[in-house]
Amino acid sequence: MRIFTLIWFGQLVSFIGSGLTRFALGVWVYRNTGSVTQFALISLFAILPSILLSPLVGVLVDRWNRRTCMILSDAGAGLSTLAIVLLLLVGRLEVWHIYLVVGVSSTFNAFQWPAYAAATTMLVPKQHLGRASGMVQFAEATSRLLAPMLAGVLVVTIQIQGIILIDCVTFLFSLVTLLLVRFPQPKTTAENEVKKSWQLREFTYGWTYITARPALLGLLIFFAAINFLIGVVSVLVTPLVLAFAAANVLGTVLSIGGSGMLVGGLVMSVWGGPKNRILGVFGFTLSGGLSIEPIWYLLGDQVESIEIG
C-alpha cells in the first residue's frame, strides 16, 4: 500500500487547497451579491458536469492510463483555478467567471475521481480496500475540518487571491506525488482487446447492469434521494451563518461539521465497517438525518432573514 499512501497524501493536500478555494469563492459570491440563488449556482456548476459526463467517464477511464488521467485532471483543475487569480489581479473578476471556472474544474474532477477509484483497486490488496476507503474519507473529512477554519482567517489576511494561490501550490504538490510513482497496469486479455473497439452498448452497460439488479437499483435511488436532501440543506449553511456572523465564524461552524466526518473516517480505517453493509448504511443515514432536526428549531428566526433571490 506504499504507492497508494503516497498518492493518498498528495490528494489530501490537494483536498485541503480545494477546500480553501471553495470556502473563499462562496463567501466572495454571497458578499458581493447577497443572493442565495447566485451562491447556490456555484454548487450547480460544480455538480452538473459530473452528472452529464457520468455515462462517458467510466468507459473512457477504463481505456486510459489511470495515472495519466489523474495527472491531466489535476493539471487542468489547477490551471482553471489559476485563471481566477489572474482575473482578480487585473480587477476583472465577475460572478459568471466563477461559475465558468467551477464548471471547467468540475469537468476535470469528473475524470479524476473514477481514475482515483480505479487506481485504488489496483494498488490496494482486496482485504485492505475497506481501510483504503476509510483513508479516502479521512482525507475528505480533514479538508472539511481544516480548510474552513484556515480559510476563515486567511480570507481576511491574504484575501481570496492569496488563498487561490495556495490552492495552486497544493495542486502542484499532488502532481509531483503522481509523477513520482508508477501504476501497475491491468492484465491484457482477449476480452479487453475486443472491448477496445467503440460500441454503443459500452455506454449503457452500467445502467443495464444496475437495472437488472433491483437491490442495487434501490440502493442507487436511496443514495440519490439522500444526496438531494443533503444538498438542499448544505447549500443554505453558508448564507445562514453569514446572515448574522463573520467569515471566521462560518469557518468554525463548517470545521465542526467536518470533524464528524473525520472521526467517521478514522473509525472506518481501523474498524473496516459493519458486517451487514446495508443495515450499516441505513443506520448511519438515519442517525445523520435525526441529528439535523434540532438545528432548525435553534436557528428558526435566522432562516427567515435569508434573501433567496
C-alpha atoms as a PDB file:
ATOM      1  CA  MET A   1       0.000   0.000   0.000  1.00  0.00           C
ATOM      2  CA  ARG A   2       3.048   2.280  -0.088  1.00  0.00           C
ATOM      3  CA  ILE A   3       2.277   3.754  -3.513  1.00  0.00           C
ATOM      4  CA  PHE A   4      -1.371   4.258  -2.587  1.00  0.00           C
ATOM      5  CA  THR A   5      -0.386   6.017   0.641  1.00  0.00           C
ATOM      6  CA  LEU A   6       1.858   8.460  -1.237  1.00  0.00           C
ATOM      7  CA  ILE A   7      -0.881   9.233  -3.769  1.00  0.00           C
ATOM      8  CA  TRP A   8      -3.429   9.500  -0.962  1.00  0.00           C
ATOM      9  CA  PHE A   9      -1.251  12.045   0.864  1.00  0.00           C
ATOM     10  CA  GLY A  10      -0.910  14.135  -2.291  1.00  0.00           C
ATOM     11  CA  GLN A  11      -4.673  14.073  -2.758  1.00  0.00           C
ATOM     12  CA  LEU A  12      -5.155  15.005   0.903  1.00  0.00           C
ATOM     13  CA  VAL A  13      -3.056  18.151   0.447  1.00  0.00           C
ATOM     14  CA  SER A  14      -4.949  18.950  -2.757  1.00  0.00           C
ATOM     15  CA  PHE A  15      -8.301  18.448  -0.998  1.00  0.00           C
ATOM     16  CA  ILE A  16      -7.317  20.992   1.642  1.00  0.00           C
ATOM     17  CA  GLY A  17      -6.326  23.533  -1.006  1.00  0.00           C
ATOM     18  CA  SER A  18      -9.562  22.975  -2.914  1.00  0.00           C
ATOM     19  CA  GLY A  19     -11.487  23.382   0.332  1.00  0.00           C
ATOM     20  CA  LEU A  20      -9.817  26.750   0.920  1.00  0.00           C
ATOM     21  CA  THR A  21     -10.830  27.945  -2.548  1.00  0.00           C
ATOM     22  CA  ARG A  22     -14.352  26.564  -2.256  1.00  0.00           C
ATOM     23  CA  PHE A  23     -14.866  28.462   1.005  1.00  0.00           C
ATOM     24  CA  ALA A  24     -13.356  31.706  -0.305  1.00  0.00           C
ATOM     25  CA  LEU A  25     -15.362  31.686  -3.544  1.00  0.00           C
ATOM     26  CA  GLY A  26     -18.603  31.021  -1.694  1.00  0.00           C
ATOM     27  CA  VAL A  27     -18.005  33.900   0.706  1.00  0.00           C
ATOM     28  CA  TRP A  28     -16.978  36.210  -2.155  1.00  0.00           C
ATOM     29  CA  VAL A  29     -20.096  35.469  -4.221  1.00  0.00           C
ATOM     30  CA  TYR A  30     -22.519  35.823  -1.313  1.00  0.00           C
ATOM     31  CA  ARG A  31     -20.905  39.022  -0.030  1.00  0.00           C
ATOM     32  CA  ASN A  32     -20.895  40.618  -3.479  1.00  0.00           C
ATOM     33  CA  THR A  33     -24.406  39.571  -4.480  1.00  0.00           C
ATOM     34  CA  GLY A  34     -26.277  38.922  -1.230  1.00  0.00           C
ATOM     35  CA  SER A  35     -28.246  36.285  -3.144  1.00  0.00           C
ATOM     36  CA  VAL A  36     -28.698  32.685  -2.065  1.00  0.00           C
ATOM     37  CA  THR A  37     -29.673  31.788  -5.634  1.00  0.00           C
ATOM     38  CA  GLN A  38     -26.389  33.031  -7.104  1.00  0.00           C
ATOM     39  CA  PHE A  39     -24.491  31.338  -4.282  1.00  0.00           C
ATOM     40  CA  ALA A  40     -26.338  28.065  -4.939  1.00  0.00           C
ATOM     41  CA  LEU A  41     -25.402  28.254  -8.633  1.00  0.00           C
ATOM     42  CA  ILE A  42     -21.812  27.525  -7.596  1.00  0.00           C
ATOM     43  CA  SER A  43     -22.967  24.119  -6.362  1.00  0.00           C
ATOM     44  CA  LEU A  44     -24.941  23.597  -9.574  1.00  0.00           C
ATOM     45  CA  PHE A  45     -21.923  24.249 -11.797  1.00  0.00           C
ATOM     46  CA  ALA A  46     -19.795  22.050  -9.530  1.00  0.00           C
ATOM     47  CA  ILE A  47     -22.162  19.080  -9.833  1.00  0.00           C
ATOM     48  CA  LEU A  48     -23.616  19.407 -13.338  1.00  0.00           C
ATOM     49  CA  PRO A  49     -20.506  18.263 -15.297  1.00  0.00           C
ATOM     50  CA  SER A  50     -20.318  15.048 -13.275  1.00  0.00           C
ATOM     51  CA  ILE A  51     -23.989  14.310 -13.971  1.00  0.00           C
ATOM     52  CA  LEU A  52     -23.698  14.974 -17.701  1.00  0.00           C
ATOM     53  CA  LEU A  53     -20.400  13.142 -18.167  1.00  0.00           C
ATOM     54  CA  SER A  54     -21.083  10.133 -15.939  1.00  0.00           C
ATOM     55  CA  PRO A  55     -22.236   7.860 -18.822  1.00  0.00           C
ATOM     56  CA  LEU A  56     -18.949   8.515 -20.660  1.00  0.00           C
ATOM     57  CA  VAL A  57     -16.369   8.855 -17.911  1.00  0.00           C
ATOM     58  CA  GLY A  58     -16.329   5.231 -16.770  1.00  0.00           C
ATOM     59  CA  VAL A  59     -15.816   3.917 -20.304  1.00  0.00           C
ATOM     60  CA  LEU A  60     -13.078   6.442 -21.072  1.00  0.00           C
ATOM     61  CA  VAL A  61     -11.187   5.909 -17.816  1.00  0.00           C
ATOM     62  CA  ASP A  62     -11.227   2.130 -18.415  1.00  0.00           C
ATOM     63  CA  ARG A  63      -9.426   2.753 -21.727  1.00  0.00           C
ATOM     64  CA  TRP A  64      -6.932   5.323 -20.472  1.00  0.00           C
ATOM     65  CA  ASN A  65      -3.908   5.071 -18.235  1.00  0.00           C
ATOM     66  CA  ARG A  66      -5.182   5.845 -14.709  1.00  0.00           C
ATOM     67  CA  ARG A  67      -2.080   7.738 -13.666  1.00  0.00           C
ATOM     68  CA  THR A  68      -2.062   9.884 -16.819  1.00  0.00           C
ATOM     69  CA  CYS A  69      -5.751  10.605 -16.371  1.00  0.00           C
ATOM     70  CA  MET A  70      -5.191  11.780 -12.790  1.00  0.00           C
ATOM     71  CA  ILE A  71      -2.204  13.927 -13.802  1.00  0.00           C
ATOM     72  CA  LEU A  72      -4.091  15.655 -16.615  1.00  0.00           C
ATOM     73  CA  SER A  73      -7.159  16.136 -14.422  1.00  0.00           C
ATOM     74  CA  ASP A  74      -5.167  17.719 -11.597  1.00  0.00           C
ATOM     75  CA  ALA A  75      -3.254  19.927 -14.041  1.00  0.00           C
ATOM     76  CA  GLY A  76      -6.433  21.101 -15.764  1.00  0.00           C
ATOM     77  CA  ALA A  77      -8.209  21.851 -12.497  1.00  0.00           C
ATOM     78  CA  GLY A  78      -5.167  23.735 -11.209  1.00  0.00           C
ATOM     79  CA  LEU A  79      -4.853  25.887 -14.340  1.00  0.00           C
ATOM     80  CA  SER A  80      -8.560  26.731 -14.320  1.00  0.00           C
ATOM     81  CA  THR A  81      -8.261  27.831 -10.699  1.00  0.00           C
ATOM     82  CA  LEU A  82      -5.218  29.949 -11.553  1.00  0.00           C
ATOM     83  CA  ALA A  83      -7.394  31.859 -14.036  1.00  0.00           C
ATOM     84  CA  ILE A  84      -9.363  33.311 -11.118  1.00  0.00           C
ATOM     85  CA  VAL A  85      -6.171  34.754  -9.623  1.00  0.00           C
ATOM     86  CA  LEU A  86      -5.314  36.451 -12.913  1.00  0.00           C
ATOM     87  CA  LEU A  87      -8.799  37.954 -13.151  1.00  0.00           C
ATOM     88  CA  LEU A  88      -8.542  39.205  -9.575  1.00  0.00           C
ATOM     89  CA  LEU A  89      -5.147  40.795 -10.190  1.00  0.00           C
ATOM     90  CA  VAL A  90      -6.499  42.806 -13.133  1.00  0.00           C
ATOM     91  CA  GLY A  91      -9.691  43.651 -11.247  1.00  0.00           C
ATOM     92  CA  ARG A  92     -11.988  41.981 -13.784  1.00  0.00           C
ATOM     93  CA  LEU A  93     -13.417  39.076 -11.774  1.00  0.00           C
ATOM     94  CA  GLU A  94     -17.191  38.706 -12.067  1.00  0.00           C
ATOM     95  CA  VAL A  95     -19.624  36.130 -10.721  1.00  0.00           C
ATOM     96  CA  TRP A  96     -20.073  34.427 -14.089  1.00  0.00           C
ATOM     97  CA  HIS A  97     -16.306  33.908 -14.294  1.00  0.00           C
ATOM     98  CA  ILE A  98     -16.519  31.880 -11.096  1.00  0.00           C
ATOM     99  CA  TYR A  99     -19.349  29.769 -12.493  1.00  0.00           C
ATOM    100  CA  LEU A 100     -17.312  29.077 -15.628  1.00  0.00           C
ATOM    101  CA  VAL A 101     -14.127  28.171 -13.748  1.00  0.00           C
ATOM    102  CA  VAL A 102     -16.005  25.970 -11.279  1.00  0.00           C
ATOM    103  CA  GLY A 103     -17.655  24.174 -14.202  1.00  0.00           C
ATOM    104  CA  VAL A 104     -14.343  23.600 -16.003  1.00  0.00           C
ATOM    105  CA  SER A 105     -12.620  22.445 -12.817  1.00  0.00           C
ATOM    106  CA  SER A 106     -15.508  20.108 -12.059  1.00  0.00           C
ATOM    107  CA  THR A 107     -15.229  18.638 -15.555  1.00  0.00           C
ATOM    108  CA  PHE A 108     -11.622  17.668 -14.888  1.00  0.00           C
ATOM    109  CA  ASN A 109     -12.561  16.311 -11.456  1.00  0.00           C
ATOM    110  CA  ALA A 110     -15.256  14.173 -13.085  1.00  0.00           C
ATOM    111  CA  PHE A 111     -12.420  12.195 -14.691  1.00  0.00           C
ATOM    112  CA  GLN A 112     -10.078  12.368 -11.720  1.00  0.00           C
ATOM    113  CA  TRP A 113     -12.338  10.637  -9.201  1.00  0.00           C
ATOM    114  CA  PRO A 114     -13.107   7.497 -11.268  1.00  0.00           C
ATOM    115  CA  ALA A 115      -9.420   7.210 -12.167  1.00  0.00           C
ATOM    116  CA  TYR A 116      -8.512   7.522  -8.475  1.00  0.00           C
ATOM    117  CA  ALA A 117     -11.060   4.847  -7.527  1.00  0.00           C
ATOM    118  CA  ALA A 118      -9.878   2.509 -10.296  1.00  0.00           C
ATOM    119  CA  ALA A 119      -6.245   3.042  -9.295  1.00  0.00           C
ATOM    120  CA  THR A 120      -7.093   2.247  -5.676  1.00  0.00           C
ATOM    121  CA  THR A 121      -8.392  -1.211  -6.596  1.00  0.00           C
ATOM    122  CA  MET A 122      -5.118  -1.898  -8.437  1.00  0.00           C
ATOM    123  CA  LEU A 123      -2.826  -0.552  -5.719  1.00  0.00           C
ATOM    124  CA  VAL A 124      -4.553  -1.919  -2.610  1.00  0.00           C
ATOM    125  CA  PRO A 125      -4.982  -5.617  -1.743  1.00  0.00           C
ATOM    126  CA  LYS A 126      -8.617  -6.713  -1.570  1.00  0.00           C
ATOM    127  CA  GLN A 127      -8.510  -7.311   2.184  1.00  0.00           C
ATOM    128  CA  HIS A 128      -7.432  -3.685   2.753  1.00  0.00           C
ATOM    129  CA  LEU A 129      -9.984  -1.974   0.485  1.00  0.00           C
ATOM    130  CA  GLY A 130     -12.232  -1.107   3.447  1.00  0.00           C
ATOM    131  CA  ARG A 131      -9.351   0.639   5.175  1.00  0.00           C
ATOM    132  CA  ALA A 132      -8.354   2.399   1.956  1.00  0.00           C
ATOM    133  CA  SER A 133     -11.922   3.661   1.611  1.00  0.00           C
ATOM    134  CA  GLY A 134     -11.713   4.922   5.180  1.00  0.00           C
ATOM    135  CA  MET A 135      -8.460   6.719   4.368  1.00  0.00           C
ATOM    136  CA  VAL A 136     -10.099   8.451   1.396  1.00  0.00           C
ATOM    137  CA  GLN A 137     -12.999   9.529   3.606  1.00  0.00           C
ATOM    138  CA  PHE A 138     -10.492  10.658   6.236  1.00  0.00           C
ATOM    139  CA  ALA A 139      -8.751  12.852   3.639  1.00  0.00           C
ATOM    140  CA  GLU A 140     -12.025  14.462   2.598  1.00  0.00           C
ATOM    141  CA  ALA A 141     -13.019  14.947   6.234  1.00  0.00           C
ATOM    142  CA  THR A 142      -9.654  16.508   7.074  1.00  0.00           C
ATOM    143  CA  SER A 143     -10.132  19.036   4.287  1.00  0.00           C
ATOM    144  CA  ARG A 144     -13.603  19.851   5.596  1.00  0.00           C
ATOM    145  CA  LEU A 145     -12.199  20.247   9.093  1.00  0.00           C
ATOM    146  CA  LEU A 146      -9.071  22.285   8.369  1.00  0.00           C
ATOM    147  CA  ALA A 147      -9.950  24.191   5.192  1.00  0.00           C
ATOM    148  CA  PRO A 148     -12.884  26.283   6.508  1.00  0.00           C
ATOM    149  CA  MET A 149     -11.073  27.120   9.735  1.00  0.00           C
ATOM    150  CA  LEU A 150      -7.933  28.214   7.876  1.00  0.00           C
ATOM    151  CA  ALA A 151      -9.878  29.975   5.122  1.00  0.00           C
ATOM    152  CA  GLY A 152     -11.906  31.962   7.652  1.00  0.00           C
ATOM    153  CA  VAL A 153      -8.653  33.527   8.845  1.00  0.00           C
ATOM    154  CA  LEU A 154      -6.833  33.680   5.500  1.00  0.00           C
ATOM    155  CA  VAL A 155      -9.703  35.396   3.681  1.00  0.00           C
ATOM    156  CA  VAL A 156      -9.094  38.374   5.987  1.00  0.00           C
ATOM    157  CA  THR A 157      -5.290  38.324   5.980  1.00  0.00           C
ATOM    158  CA  ILE A 158      -4.239  37.340   2.437  1.00  0.00           C
ATOM    159  CA  GLN A 159      -7.671  37.661   0.791  1.00  0.00           C
ATOM    160  CA  ILE A 160      -9.128  35.457  -1.920  1.00  0.00           C
ATOM    161  CA  GLN A 161      -6.212  35.744  -4.361  1.00  0.00           C
ATOM    162  CA  GLY A 162      -3.754  34.501  -1.736  1.00  0.00           C
ATOM    163  CA  ILE A 163      -5.999  31.560  -0.897  1.00  0.00           C
ATOM    164  CA  ILE A 164      -6.297  30.531  -4.539  1.00  0.00           C
ATOM    165  CA  LEU A 165      -2.519  30.737  -4.981  1.00  0.00           C
ATOM    166  CA  ILE A 166      -2.178  28.323  -2.058  1.00  0.00           C
ATOM    167  CA  ASP A 167      -4.647  26.036  -3.828  1.00  0.00           C
ATOM    168  CA  CYS A 168      -2.498  26.129  -6.973  1.00  0.00           C
ATOM    169  CA  VAL A 169       0.534  25.090  -4.907  1.00  0.00           C
ATOM    170  CA  THR A 170      -1.406  22.148  -3.461  1.00  0.00           C
ATOM    171  CA  PHE A 171      -2.379  21.078  -6.977  1.00  0.00           C
ATOM    172  CA  LEU A 172       1.320  21.175  -7.905  1.00  0.00           C
ATOM    173  CA  PHE A 173       2.213  19.055  -4.863  1.00  0.00           C
ATOM    174  CA  SER A 174      -0.411  16.489  -5.854  1.00  0.00           C
ATOM    175  CA  LEU A 175       1.015  16.381  -9.378  1.00  0.00           C
ATOM    176  CA  VAL A 176       4.524  15.746  -8.048  1.00  0.00           C
ATOM    177  CA  THR A 177       3.360  12.749  -5.996  1.00  0.00           C
ATOM    178  CA  LEU A 178       1.731  11.274  -9.105  1.00  0.00           C
ATOM    179  CA  LEU A 179       4.853  11.871 -11.196  1.00  0.00           C
ATOM    180  CA  LEU A 180       6.992  10.035  -8.626  1.00  0.00           C
ATOM    181  CA  VAL A 181       5.116   6.726  -8.858  1.00  0.00           C
ATOM    182  CA  ARG A 182       4.113   4.151 -11.443  1.00  0.00           C
ATOM    183  CA  PHE A 183       0.782   2.340 -11.504  1.00  0.00           C
ATOM    184  CA  PRO A 184       0.510  -1.375 -12.267  1.00  0.00           C
ATOM    185  CA  GLN A 185      -1.496  -1.823 -15.454  1.00  0.00           C
ATOM    186  CA  PRO A 186      -4.458  -4.214 -15.747  1.00  0.00           C
ATOM    187  CA  LYS A 187      -3.635  -7.520 -17.391  1.00  0.00           C
ATOM    188  CA  THR A 188      -4.400  -7.555 -21.096  1.00  0.00           C
ATOM    189  CA  THR A 189      -6.870 -10.272 -22.072  1.00  0.00           C
ATOM    190  CA  ALA A 190      -8.556 -11.217 -25.328  1.00  0.00           C
ATOM    191  CA  GLU A 191     -11.805  -9.803 -23.936  1.00  0.00           C
ATOM    192  CA  ASN A 192     -10.125  -6.480 -23.173  1.00  0.00           C
ATOM    193  CA  GLU A 193      -8.711  -6.319 -26.691  1.00  0.00           C
ATOM    194  CA  VAL A 194     -12.186  -6.777 -28.163  1.00  0.00           C
ATOM    195  CA  LYS A 195     -13.547  -4.030 -25.920  1.00  0.00           C
ATOM    196  CA  LYS A 196     -11.111  -1.533 -27.398  1.00  0.00           C
ATOM    197  CA  SER A 197     -13.476  -1.044 -30.319  1.00  0.00           C
ATOM    198  CA  TRP A 198     -16.114   1.594 -29.649  1.00  0.00           C
ATOM    199  CA  GLN A 199     -19.602   0.192 -29.158  1.00  0.00           C
ATOM    200  CA  LEU A 200     -22.754   1.985 -28.036  1.00  0.00           C
ATOM    201  CA  ARG A 201     -23.595  -0.723 -25.515  1.00  0.00           C
ATOM    202  CA  GLU A 202     -20.463   0.167 -23.536  1.00  0.00           C
ATOM    203  CA  PHE A 203     -22.007   3.498 -22.577  1.00  0.00           C
ATOM    204  CA  THR A 204     -25.261   1.884 -21.464  1.00  0.00           C
ATOM    205  CA  TYR A 205     -23.689  -1.164 -19.833  1.00  0.00           C
ATOM    206  CA  GLY A 206     -23.570   0.409 -16.375  1.00  0.00           C
ATOM    207  CA  TRP A 207     -27.248   1.349 -16.438  1.00  0.00           C
ATOM    208  CA  THR A 208     -28.218  -2.077 -17.859  1.00  0.00           C
ATOM    209  CA  TYR A 209     -26.205  -3.795 -15.141  1.00  0.00           C
ATOM    210  CA  ILE A 210     -27.899  -1.775 -12.388  1.00  0.00           C
ATOM    211  CA  THR A 211     -31.468  -2.103 -13.691  1.00  0.00           C
ATOM    212  CA  ALA A 212     -31.039  -5.881 -13.922  1.00  0.00           C
ATOM    213  CA  ARG A 213     -30.388  -5.958 -10.161  1.00  0.00           C
ATOM    214  CA  PRO A 214     -33.349  -4.483  -8.222  1.00  0.00           C
ATOM    215  CA  ALA A 215     -31.467  -4.368  -4.922  1.00  0.00           C
ATOM    216  CA  LEU A 216     -28.640  -2.335  -6.440  1.00  0.00           C
ATOM    217  CA  LEU A 217     -31.123  -0.056  -8.227  1.00  0.00           C
ATOM    218  CA  GLY A 218     -32.967   0.531  -4.956  1.00  0.00           C
ATOM    219  CA  LEU A 219     -29.708   1.430  -3.230  1.00  0.00           C
ATOM    220  CA  LEU A 220     -28.860   3.849  -6.043  1.00  0.00           C
ATOM    221  CA  ILE A 221     -32.261   5.556  -5.757  1.00  0.00           C
ATOM    222  CA  PHE A 222     -31.838   5.728  -1.985  1.00  0.00           C
ATOM    223  CA  PHE A 223     -28.463   7.471  -2.258  1.00  0.00           C
ATOM    224  CA  ALA A 224     -29.818   9.827  -4.935  1.00  0.00           C
ATOM    225  CA  ALA A 225     -32.660  10.879  -2.634  1.00  0.00           C
ATOM    226  CA  ILE A 226     -30.345  11.310   0.352  1.00  0.00           C
ATOM    227  CA  ASN A 227     -27.836  13.377  -1.624  1.00  0.00           C
ATOM    228  CA  PHE A 228     -30.635  15.574  -2.971  1.00  0.00           C
ATOM    229  CA  LEU A 229     -31.951  16.297   0.528  1.00  0.00           C
ATOM    230  CA  ILE A 230     -28.464  16.880   1.928  1.00  0.00           C
ATOM    231  CA  GLY A 231     -27.740  19.268  -0.946  1.00  0.00           C
ATOM    232  CA  VAL A 232     -30.835  21.326  -0.168  1.00  0.00           C
ATOM    233  CA  VAL A 233     -29.730  21.720   3.447  1.00  0.00           C
ATOM    234  CA  SER A 234     -25.986  22.170   2.928  1.00  0.00           C
ATOM    235  CA  VAL A 235     -26.326  24.952   0.344  1.00  0.00           C
ATOM    236  CA  LEU A 236     -28.145  27.073   2.950  1.00  0.00           C
ATOM    237  CA  VAL A 237     -25.482  26.788   5.656  1.00  0.00           C
ATOM    238  CA  THR A 238     -23.134  29.481   4.318  1.00  0.00           C
ATOM    239  CA  PRO A 239     -25.845  32.129   3.675  1.00  0.00           C
ATOM    240  CA  LEU A 240     -27.467  31.274   7.005  1.00  0.00           C
ATOM    241  CA  VAL A 241     -24.307  31.854   9.039  1.00  0.00           C
ATOM    242  CA  LEU A 242     -23.136  34.890   7.040  1.00  0.00           C
ATOM    243  CA  ALA A 243     -26.544  36.490   7.652  1.00  0.00           C
ATOM    244  CA  PHE A 244     -25.567  37.124  11.280  1.00  0.00           C
ATOM    245  CA  ALA A 245     -21.851  36.277  11.650  1.00  0.00           C
ATOM    246  CA  ALA A 246     -18.421  36.877  10.116  1.00  0.00           C
ATOM    247  CA  ALA A 247     -16.488  34.589   7.774  1.00  0.00           C
ATOM    248  CA  ASN A 248     -14.276  33.230  10.561  1.00  0.00           C
ATOM    249  CA  VAL A 249     -17.389  32.088  12.455  1.00  0.00           C
ATOM    250  CA  LEU A 250     -18.607  30.348   9.304  1.00  0.00           C
ATOM    251  CA  GLY A 251     -15.235  28.627   9.064  1.00  0.00           C
ATOM    252  CA  THR A 252     -15.562  27.358  12.626  1.00  0.00           C
ATOM    253  CA  VAL A 253     -19.090  26.056  12.003  1.00  0.00           C
ATOM    254  CA  LEU A 254     -18.057  24.176   8.850  1.00  0.00           C
ATOM    255  CA  SER A 255     -14.954  22.813  10.575  1.00  0.00           C
ATOM    256  CA  ILE A 256     -17.027  21.403  13.417  1.00  0.00           C
ATOM    257  CA  GLY A 257     -19.199  19.703  10.818  1.00  0.00           C
ATOM    258  CA  GLY A 258     -16.107  18.266   9.151  1.00  0.00           C
ATOM    259  CA  SER A 259     -14.846  16.870  12.459  1.00  0.00           C
ATOM    260  CA  GLY A 260     -17.666  14.322  12.434  1.00  0.00           C
ATOM    261  CA  MET A 261     -16.592  13.040   9.027  1.00  0.00           C
ATOM    262  CA  LEU A 262     -13.001  12.947  10.262  1.00  0.00           C
ATOM    263  CA  VAL A 263     -13.933  10.743  13.218  1.00  0.00           C
ATOM    264  CA  GLY A 264     -16.012   8.520  10.940  1.00  0.00           C
ATOM    265  CA  GLY A 265     -13.117   8.108   8.526  1.00  0.00           C
ATOM    266  CA  LEU A 266     -10.751   7.182  11.353  1.00  0.00           C
ATOM    267  CA  VAL A 267     -13.207   4.639  12.735  1.00  0.00           C
ATOM    268  CA  MET A 268     -13.705   3.071   9.298  1.00  0.00           C
ATOM    269  CA  SER A 269      -9.938   2.948   8.696  1.00  0.00           C
ATOM    270  CA  VAL A 270      -9.468   0.918  11.883  1.00  0.00           C
ATOM    271  CA  TRP A 271     -12.776  -0.976  12.032  1.00  0.00           C
ATOM    272  CA  GLY A 272     -13.444  -1.717   8.369  1.00  0.00           C
ATOM    273  CA  GLY A 273     -17.230  -1.248   8.709  1.00  0.00           C
ATOM    274  CA  PRO A 274     -20.150  -3.419   9.881  1.00  0.00           C
ATOM    275  CA  LYS A 275     -20.560  -6.931   8.506  1.00  0.00           C
ATOM    276  CA  ASN A 276     -24.063  -6.129   7.268  1.00  0.00           C
ATOM    277  CA  ARG A 277     -23.333  -3.220   4.917  1.00  0.00           C
ATOM    278  CA  ILE A 278     -26.980  -2.468   4.118  1.00  0.00           C
ATOM    279  CA  LEU A 279     -28.039  -2.138   7.756  1.00  0.00           C
ATOM    280  CA  GLY A 280     -24.945  -0.033   8.366  1.00  0.00           C
ATOM    281  CA  VAL A 281     -25.841   2.364   5.541  1.00  0.00           C
ATOM    282  CA  PHE A 282     -29.445   2.768   6.702  1.00  0.00           C
ATOM    283  CA  GLY A 283     -28.487   3.058  10.366  1.00  0.00           C
ATOM    284  CA  PHE A 284     -25.853   5.740   9.895  1.00  0.00           C
ATOM    285  CA  THR A 285     -28.039   7.648   7.412  1.00  0.00           C
ATOM    286  CA  LEU A 286     -30.969   7.672   9.845  1.00  0.00           C
ATOM    287  CA  SER A 287     -28.704   8.880  12.655  1.00  0.00           C
ATOM    288  CA  GLY A 288     -27.378  11.686  10.462  1.00  0.00           C
ATOM    289  CA  GLY A 289     -30.870  12.795   9.486  1.00  0.00           C
ATOM    290  CA  LEU A 290     -32.095  12.903  13.081  1.00  0.00           C
ATOM    291  CA  SER A 291     -29.070  14.977  14.121  1.00  0.00           C
ATOM    292  CA  ILE A 292     -30.027  17.796  11.696  1.00  0.00           C
ATOM    293  CA  GLU A 293     -33.540  18.291  13.065  1.00  0.00           C
ATOM    294  CA  PRO A 294     -32.665  20.373  16.200  1.00  0.00           C
ATOM    295  CA  ILE A 295     -30.743  22.958  14.135  1.00  0.00           C
ATOM    296  CA  TRP A 296     -33.884  24.425  12.565  1.00  0.00           C
ATOM    297  CA  TYR A 297     -35.512  24.918  15.964  1.00  0.00           C
ATOM    298  CA  LEU A 298     -32.415  26.708  17.281  1.00  0.00           C
ATOM    299  CA  LEU A 299     -31.990  28.955  14.212  1.00  0.00           C
ATOM    300  CA  GLY A 300     -35.570  29.362  13.031  1.00  0.00           C
ATOM    301  CA  ASP A 301     -35.548  33.172  13.264  1.00  0.00           C
ATOM    302  CA  GLN A 302     -32.301  33.437  11.310  1.00  0.00           C
ATOM    303  CA  VAL A 303     -33.590  31.217   8.478  1.00  0.00           C
ATOM    304  CA  GLU A 304     -36.369  33.721   7.768  1.00  0.00           C
ATOM    305  CA  SER A 305     -33.805  36.516   7.278  1.00  0.00           C
ATOM    306  CA  ILE A 306     -32.075  34.877   4.300  1.00  0.00           C
ATOM    307  CA  GLU A 307     -32.741  36.504   0.926  1.00  0.00           C
ATOM    308  CA  ILE A 308     -33.487  33.857  -1.688  1.00  0.00           C
ATOM    309  CA  GLY A 309     -33.400  35.972  -4.872  1.00  0.00           C
END
